[in-house]
Amino acid sequence: MTEQEIQAALIDPGIIRNKLKVRAAVKNAQVFLGIQNEFGTFSRYIWGFVDGKPLQNNWNEGAEVPAISNQSDKLSRDLKQRGMSFVGSTIIYAHMQATGMVNDHIVNCFRHSEATEVKTKAVN
């Protein structure tokens, strides 16, 4: 984004107009491109934090599901060292859940076994 585009974003009522977050989005995109260049794809980079396989958890109730993990801590720390911001361990863990890097469905949820099968096939 150019400086003019950043300034336009900061007055756009359709987005969160936090100057630090808007500038972080620009910087994070630049870091993202650098990671793609270094690893070939961002996917290859990020999946390396779980050895290329989804983490399969077996929680009995929702209260057991954590907000972070060792892997999200490591990924968050690495992204920050590369220059990203607003990438704390909690948001990274949520990303991991949303993208299938971790299966946190409780065991009696119909999606638990489906997610286990689908996610394993998707990575292979």
N, C-alpha and C. Protein backbone atom coordinates (compact mmCIF):
# COMPACT_ATOMS: atom_id res chain seq x y z
N MET A 1 0.84 -1.19 0.00
CA MET A 1 0.00 0.00 0.00
C MET A 1 0.88 1.24 0.00
N THR A 2 0.42 2.21 -0.71
CA THR A 2 1.12 3.49 -0.69
C THR A 2 0.69 4.26 0.56
N GLU A 3 1.42 5.31 0.88
CA GLU A 3 1.05 6.14 2.03
C GLU A 3 -0.35 6.73 1.83
N GLN A 4 -0.67 7.10 0.62
CA GLN A 4 -2.00 7.64 0.32
C GLN A 4 -3.09 6.59 0.59
N GLU A 5 -2.84 5.34 0.21
CA GLU A 5 -3.81 4.27 0.47
C GLU A 5 -3.95 3.99 1.96
N ILE A 6 -2.85 4.08 2.69
CA ILE A 6 -2.90 3.89 4.14
C ILE A 6 -3.74 4.99 4.77
N GLN A 7 -3.53 6.22 4.36
CA GLN A 7 -4.29 7.35 4.91
C GLN A 7 -5.78 7.20 4.58
N ALA A 8 -6.11 6.71 3.39
CA ALA A 8 -7.51 6.49 3.01
C ALA A 8 -8.12 5.39 3.89
N ALA A 9 -7.35 4.35 4.18
CA ALA A 9 -7.84 3.26 5.03
C ALA A 9 -8.13 3.77 6.44
N LEU A 10 -7.31 4.70 6.91
CA LEU A 10 -7.48 5.20 8.27
C LEU A 10 -8.75 6.03 8.45
N ILE A 11 -9.37 6.45 7.37
CA ILE A 11 -10.64 7.19 7.50
C ILE A 11 -11.82 6.38 6.96
N ASP A 12 -11.59 5.16 6.56
CA ASP A 12 -12.64 4.29 6.03
C ASP A 12 -13.48 3.75 7.19
N PRO A 13 -14.77 4.10 7.26
CA PRO A 13 -15.61 3.64 8.37
C PRO A 13 -15.92 2.14 8.31
N GLY A 14 -15.58 1.49 7.20
CA GLY A 14 -15.86 0.07 7.05
C GLY A 14 -14.82 -0.85 7.67
N ILE A 15 -13.73 -0.28 8.19
CA ILE A 15 -12.69 -1.10 8.81
C ILE A 15 -12.35 -0.54 10.19
N ILE A 16 -11.62 -1.31 10.96
CA ILE A 16 -11.11 -0.82 12.24
C ILE A 16 -10.00 0.16 11.90
N ARG A 17 -10.15 1.38 12.34
CA ARG A 17 -9.21 2.44 11.94
C ARG A 17 -8.14 2.67 13.00
N ASN A 18 -7.47 1.63 13.36
CA ASN A 18 -6.36 1.72 14.30
C ASN A 18 -5.08 1.86 13.47
N LYS A 19 -4.41 2.98 13.65
CA LYS A 19 -3.22 3.27 12.83
C LYS A 19 -2.17 2.16 12.94
N LEU A 20 -1.95 1.65 14.14
CA LEU A 20 -0.95 0.60 14.33
C LEU A 20 -1.35 -0.68 13.58
N LYS A 21 -2.64 -1.01 13.61
CA LYS A 21 -3.08 -2.23 12.94
C LYS A 21 -3.05 -2.09 11.42
N VAL A 22 -3.39 -0.92 10.92
CA VAL A 22 -3.32 -0.71 9.47
C VAL A 22 -1.88 -0.81 9.00
N ARG A 23 -0.98 -0.15 9.70
CA ARG A 23 0.43 -0.21 9.32
C ARG A 23 0.99 -1.63 9.49
N ALA A 24 0.51 -2.34 10.53
CA ALA A 24 0.95 -3.73 10.75
C ALA A 24 0.49 -4.62 9.59
N ALA A 25 -0.70 -4.37 9.06
CA ALA A 25 -1.19 -5.16 7.94
C ALA A 25 -0.26 -5.02 6.73
N VAL A 26 0.22 -3.81 6.51
CA VAL A 26 1.15 -3.56 5.40
C VAL A 26 2.48 -4.28 5.67
N LYS A 27 3.02 -4.10 6.85
CA LYS A 27 4.30 -4.73 7.20
C LYS A 27 4.18 -6.25 7.20
N ASN A 28 3.08 -6.76 7.77
CA ASN A 28 2.89 -8.21 7.81
C ASN A 28 2.81 -8.79 6.40
N ALA A 29 2.20 -8.07 5.49
CA ALA A 29 2.12 -8.54 4.10
C ALA A 29 3.52 -8.62 3.48
N GLN A 30 4.36 -7.65 3.80
CA GLN A 30 5.74 -7.67 3.29
C GLN A 30 6.50 -8.86 3.86
N VAL A 31 6.33 -9.12 5.16
CA VAL A 31 6.99 -10.26 5.79
C VAL A 31 6.47 -11.56 5.19
N PHE A 32 5.14 -11.63 4.98
CA PHE A 32 4.51 -12.80 4.37
C PHE A 32 5.17 -13.11 3.02
N LEU A 33 5.35 -12.09 2.19
CA LEU A 33 5.98 -12.29 0.88
C LEU A 33 7.42 -12.78 1.03
N GLY A 34 8.11 -12.27 2.04
CA GLY A 34 9.47 -12.74 2.30
C GLY A 34 9.50 -14.21 2.70
N ILE A 35 8.53 -14.61 3.51
CA ILE A 35 8.44 -16.02 3.91
C ILE A 35 8.14 -16.89 2.70
N GLN A 36 7.22 -16.44 1.84
CA GLN A 36 6.94 -17.18 0.60
C GLN A 36 8.20 -17.35 -0.23
N ASN A 37 8.95 -16.29 -0.35
CA ASN A 37 10.18 -16.33 -1.13
C ASN A 37 11.19 -17.32 -0.53
N GLU A 38 11.29 -17.30 0.79
CA GLU A 38 12.27 -18.16 1.47
C GLU A 38 11.88 -19.63 1.44
N PHE A 39 10.59 -19.94 1.62
CA PHE A 39 10.15 -21.33 1.76
C PHE A 39 9.43 -21.87 0.53
N GLY A 40 9.19 -21.04 -0.46
CA GLY A 40 8.45 -21.47 -1.64
C GLY A 40 6.97 -21.17 -1.52
N THR A 41 6.40 -21.47 -0.36
CA THR A 41 5.01 -21.14 -0.07
C THR A 41 4.89 -20.83 1.42
N PHE A 42 3.91 -20.01 1.76
CA PHE A 42 3.64 -19.74 3.18
C PHE A 42 3.15 -21.02 3.84
N SER A 43 2.40 -21.83 3.10
CA SER A 43 1.89 -23.08 3.63
C SER A 43 3.03 -24.00 4.09
N ARG A 44 4.05 -24.13 3.29
CA ARG A 44 5.19 -24.98 3.67
C ARG A 44 5.83 -24.48 4.97
N TYR A 45 5.96 -23.17 5.07
CA TYR A 45 6.53 -22.57 6.28
C TYR A 45 5.68 -22.88 7.51
N ILE A 46 4.40 -22.57 7.43
CA ILE A 46 3.54 -22.66 8.61
C ILE A 46 3.31 -24.12 9.04
N TRP A 47 3.15 -25.02 8.07
CA TRP A 47 2.94 -26.42 8.41
C TRP A 47 4.20 -27.07 8.99
N GLY A 48 5.34 -26.44 8.80
CA GLY A 48 6.56 -26.95 9.41
C GLY A 48 6.51 -26.92 10.93
N PHE A 49 5.67 -26.08 11.49
CA PHE A 49 5.57 -25.98 12.94
C PHE A 49 4.78 -27.14 13.55
N VAL A 50 4.11 -27.93 12.70
CA VAL A 50 3.40 -29.13 13.17
C VAL A 50 3.88 -30.36 12.40
N ASP A 51 5.11 -30.29 11.89
CA ASP A 51 5.73 -31.39 11.14
C ASP A 51 4.86 -31.87 9.98
N GLY A 52 4.11 -30.96 9.38
CA GLY A 52 3.33 -31.29 8.19
C GLY A 52 2.07 -32.08 8.45
N LYS A 53 1.73 -32.33 9.71
CA LYS A 53 0.54 -33.13 10.05
C LYS A 53 -0.31 -32.38 11.06
N PRO A 54 -1.63 -32.42 10.91
CA PRO A 54 -2.49 -31.75 11.89
C PRO A 54 -2.33 -32.37 13.27
N LEU A 55 -2.35 -31.53 14.27
CA LEU A 55 -2.33 -32.01 15.65
C LEU A 55 -3.71 -32.55 15.97
N GLN A 56 -3.80 -33.76 16.46
CA GLN A 56 -5.08 -34.40 16.77
C GLN A 56 -5.27 -34.47 18.28
N ASN A 57 -6.15 -33.63 18.78
CA ASN A 57 -6.43 -33.63 20.21
C ASN A 57 -7.68 -34.43 20.50
N ASN A 58 -7.82 -34.86 21.73
CA ASN A 58 -8.95 -35.69 22.15
C ASN A 58 -9.56 -35.13 23.42
N TRP A 59 -10.13 -33.95 23.29
CA TRP A 59 -10.73 -33.29 24.45
C TRP A 59 -12.13 -33.87 24.70
N ASN A 60 -12.47 -34.00 25.98
CA ASN A 60 -13.79 -34.51 26.35
C ASN A 60 -14.83 -33.41 26.51
N GLU A 61 -14.38 -32.20 26.79
CA GLU A 61 -15.30 -31.07 26.92
C GLU A 61 -14.60 -29.79 26.49
N GLY A 62 -15.42 -28.81 26.13
CA GLY A 62 -14.88 -27.57 25.60
C GLY A 62 -13.94 -26.84 26.55
N ALA A 63 -14.17 -26.99 27.84
CA ALA A 63 -13.33 -26.31 28.82
C ALA A 63 -11.89 -26.79 28.77
N GLU A 64 -11.65 -27.95 28.20
CA GLU A 64 -10.28 -28.48 28.10
C GLU A 64 -9.49 -27.86 26.96
N VAL A 65 -10.17 -27.31 25.98
CA VAL A 65 -9.51 -26.78 24.79
C VAL A 65 -8.67 -25.55 25.17
N PRO A 66 -7.38 -25.59 24.87
CA PRO A 66 -6.51 -24.47 25.25
C PRO A 66 -6.64 -23.28 24.30
N ALA A 67 -6.11 -22.17 24.73
CA ALA A 67 -6.09 -20.97 23.88
C ALA A 67 -4.76 -20.84 23.14
N ILE A 68 -3.76 -21.58 23.58
CA ILE A 68 -2.43 -21.55 22.97
C ILE A 68 -1.84 -22.95 23.04
N SER A 69 -0.73 -23.15 22.36
CA SER A 69 0.01 -24.41 22.43
C SER A 69 1.49 -24.10 22.29
N ASN A 70 2.31 -25.09 22.51
CA ASN A 70 3.75 -24.91 22.29
C ASN A 70 4.02 -24.51 20.84
N GLN A 71 3.28 -25.11 19.91
CA GLN A 71 3.48 -24.81 18.49
C GLN A 71 3.05 -23.38 18.16
N SER A 72 1.92 -22.93 18.74
CA SER A 72 1.49 -21.56 18.45
C SER A 72 2.45 -20.56 19.09
N ASP A 73 3.01 -20.91 20.25
CA ASP A 73 4.02 -20.04 20.87
C ASP A 73 5.23 -19.89 19.95
N LYS A 74 5.71 -21.03 19.42
CA LYS A 74 6.89 -21.01 18.55
C LYS A 74 6.63 -20.25 17.26
N LEU A 75 5.46 -20.50 16.65
CA LEU A 75 5.12 -19.83 15.40
C LEU A 75 4.97 -18.33 15.62
N SER A 76 4.29 -17.95 16.69
CA SER A 76 4.12 -16.54 17.02
C SER A 76 5.47 -15.86 17.21
N ARG A 77 6.33 -16.50 17.98
CA ARG A 77 7.66 -15.95 18.24
C ARG A 77 8.46 -15.79 16.95
N ASP A 78 8.38 -16.79 16.06
CA ASP A 78 9.12 -16.71 14.81
C ASP A 78 8.58 -15.59 13.91
N LEU A 79 7.26 -15.47 13.83
CA LEU A 79 6.67 -14.40 13.02
C LEU A 79 7.08 -13.03 13.55
N LYS A 80 7.10 -12.88 14.85
CA LYS A 80 7.51 -11.60 15.45
C LYS A 80 8.98 -11.31 15.16
N GLN A 81 9.82 -12.34 15.23
CA GLN A 81 11.24 -12.15 14.93
C GLN A 81 11.46 -11.75 13.48
N ARG A 82 10.55 -12.17 12.61
CA ARG A 82 10.64 -11.82 11.20
C ARG A 82 10.08 -10.42 10.92
N GLY A 83 9.42 -9.82 11.93
CA GLY A 83 8.94 -8.46 11.78
C GLY A 83 7.44 -8.27 11.81
N MET A 84 6.68 -9.35 11.97
CA MET A 84 5.23 -9.20 12.04
C MET A 84 4.80 -8.70 13.42
N SER A 85 3.62 -8.12 13.47
CA SER A 85 3.04 -7.72 14.75
C SER A 85 1.56 -8.08 14.76
N PHE A 86 0.97 -8.05 15.94
CA PHE A 86 -0.41 -8.51 16.16
C PHE A 86 -0.55 -9.98 15.79
N VAL A 87 0.47 -10.76 16.13
CA VAL A 87 0.47 -12.20 15.85
C VAL A 87 0.84 -12.96 17.14
N GLY A 88 0.11 -12.67 18.20
CA GLY A 88 0.35 -13.34 19.47
C GLY A 88 -0.06 -14.81 19.40
N SER A 89 0.34 -15.56 20.40
CA SER A 89 0.10 -17.00 20.42
C SER A 89 -1.39 -17.35 20.36
N THR A 90 -2.24 -16.57 21.00
CA THR A 90 -3.68 -16.88 21.00
C THR A 90 -4.28 -16.74 19.60
N ILE A 91 -3.96 -15.66 18.90
CA ILE A 91 -4.51 -15.49 17.55
C ILE A 91 -3.90 -16.52 16.60
N ILE A 92 -2.66 -16.88 16.81
CA ILE A 92 -2.03 -17.89 15.96
C ILE A 92 -2.69 -19.25 16.21
N TYR A 93 -2.99 -19.57 17.47
CA TYR A 93 -3.66 -20.84 17.76
C TYR A 93 -5.04 -20.88 17.12
N ALA A 94 -5.76 -19.76 17.17
CA ALA A 94 -7.07 -19.69 16.52
C ALA A 94 -6.92 -19.91 15.01
N HIS A 95 -5.87 -19.36 14.42
CA HIS A 95 -5.60 -19.58 13.00
C HIS A 95 -5.33 -21.06 12.73
N MET A 96 -4.56 -21.68 13.61
CA MET A 96 -4.25 -23.10 13.46
C MET A 96 -5.53 -23.94 13.51
N GLN A 97 -6.43 -23.59 14.42
CA GLN A 97 -7.71 -24.30 14.51
C GLN A 97 -8.53 -24.09 13.23
N ALA A 98 -8.60 -22.86 12.78
CA ALA A 98 -9.44 -22.52 11.63
C ALA A 98 -8.93 -23.12 10.32
N THR A 99 -7.64 -23.33 10.22
CA THR A 99 -7.07 -23.84 8.97
C THR A 99 -6.78 -25.34 9.00
N GLY A 100 -7.17 -26.01 10.08
CA GLY A 100 -7.01 -27.46 10.14
C GLY A 100 -5.66 -27.93 10.59
N MET A 101 -4.85 -27.05 11.13
CA MET A 101 -3.55 -27.46 11.65
C MET A 101 -3.69 -28.16 12.99
N VAL A 102 -4.83 -27.98 13.64
CA VAL A 102 -5.11 -28.64 14.91
C VAL A 102 -6.59 -28.99 14.96
N ASN A 103 -6.90 -30.18 15.41
CA ASN A 103 -8.27 -30.65 15.54
C ASN A 103 -8.65 -30.56 17.03
N ASP A 104 -9.42 -29.53 17.37
CA ASP A 104 -9.84 -29.34 18.75
C ASP A 104 -11.32 -29.62 18.97
N HIS A 105 -11.96 -30.32 18.02
CA HIS A 105 -13.34 -30.75 18.25
C HIS A 105 -13.35 -31.72 19.42
N ILE A 106 -14.32 -31.60 20.31
CA ILE A 106 -14.38 -32.55 21.42
C ILE A 106 -14.73 -33.93 20.85
N VAL A 107 -14.34 -34.98 21.55
CA VAL A 107 -14.42 -36.33 20.98
C VAL A 107 -15.85 -36.77 20.66
N ASN A 108 -16.85 -36.28 21.38
CA ASN A 108 -18.21 -36.70 21.07
C ASN A 108 -18.88 -35.81 20.03
N CYS A 109 -18.16 -34.88 19.45
CA CYS A 109 -18.66 -34.04 18.36
C CYS A 109 -18.53 -34.83 17.06
N PHE A 110 -19.59 -34.81 16.24
CA PHE A 110 -19.55 -35.55 14.97
C PHE A 110 -18.41 -35.10 14.07
N ARG A 111 -17.93 -33.88 14.24
CA ARG A 111 -16.86 -33.36 13.40
C ARG A 111 -15.47 -33.88 13.81
N HIS A 112 -15.35 -34.39 15.03
CA HIS A 112 -14.03 -34.83 15.49
C HIS A 112 -13.45 -35.89 14.57
N SER A 113 -14.18 -36.96 14.34
CA SER A 113 -13.64 -38.02 13.49
C SER A 113 -13.57 -37.58 12.03
N GLU A 114 -14.56 -36.81 11.57
CA GLU A 114 -14.52 -36.29 10.20
C GLU A 114 -13.29 -35.43 9.99
N ALA A 115 -13.01 -34.56 10.95
CA ALA A 115 -11.85 -33.67 10.83
C ALA A 115 -10.56 -34.46 10.86
N THR A 116 -10.53 -35.52 11.63
CA THR A 116 -9.34 -36.35 11.69
C THR A 116 -9.07 -36.98 10.33
N GLU A 117 -10.10 -37.52 9.71
CA GLU A 117 -9.94 -38.17 8.40
C GLU A 117 -9.63 -37.18 7.30
N VAL A 118 -10.40 -36.12 7.21
CA VAL A 118 -10.25 -35.14 6.14
C VAL A 118 -8.91 -34.42 6.25
N LYS A 119 -8.56 -34.01 7.43
CA LYS A 119 -7.33 -33.22 7.60
C LYS A 119 -6.10 -34.08 7.30
N THR A 120 -6.13 -35.33 7.67
CA THR A 120 -4.99 -36.18 7.39
C THR A 120 -4.85 -36.35 5.89
N LYS A 121 -5.94 -36.56 5.17
CA LYS A 121 -5.90 -36.71 3.73
C LYS A 121 -5.44 -35.44 3.04
N ALA A 122 -5.85 -34.29 3.57
CA ALA A 122 -5.52 -33.01 2.94
C ALA A 122 -4.02 -32.73 2.95
N VAL A 123 -3.34 -33.19 3.96
CA VAL A 123 -1.91 -32.91 4.08
C VAL A 123 -1.09 -33.88 3.24
N ASN A 124 -1.55 -35.10 3.12
CA ASN A 124 -0.80 -36.13 2.39
C ASN A 124 -0.79 -35.92 0.92
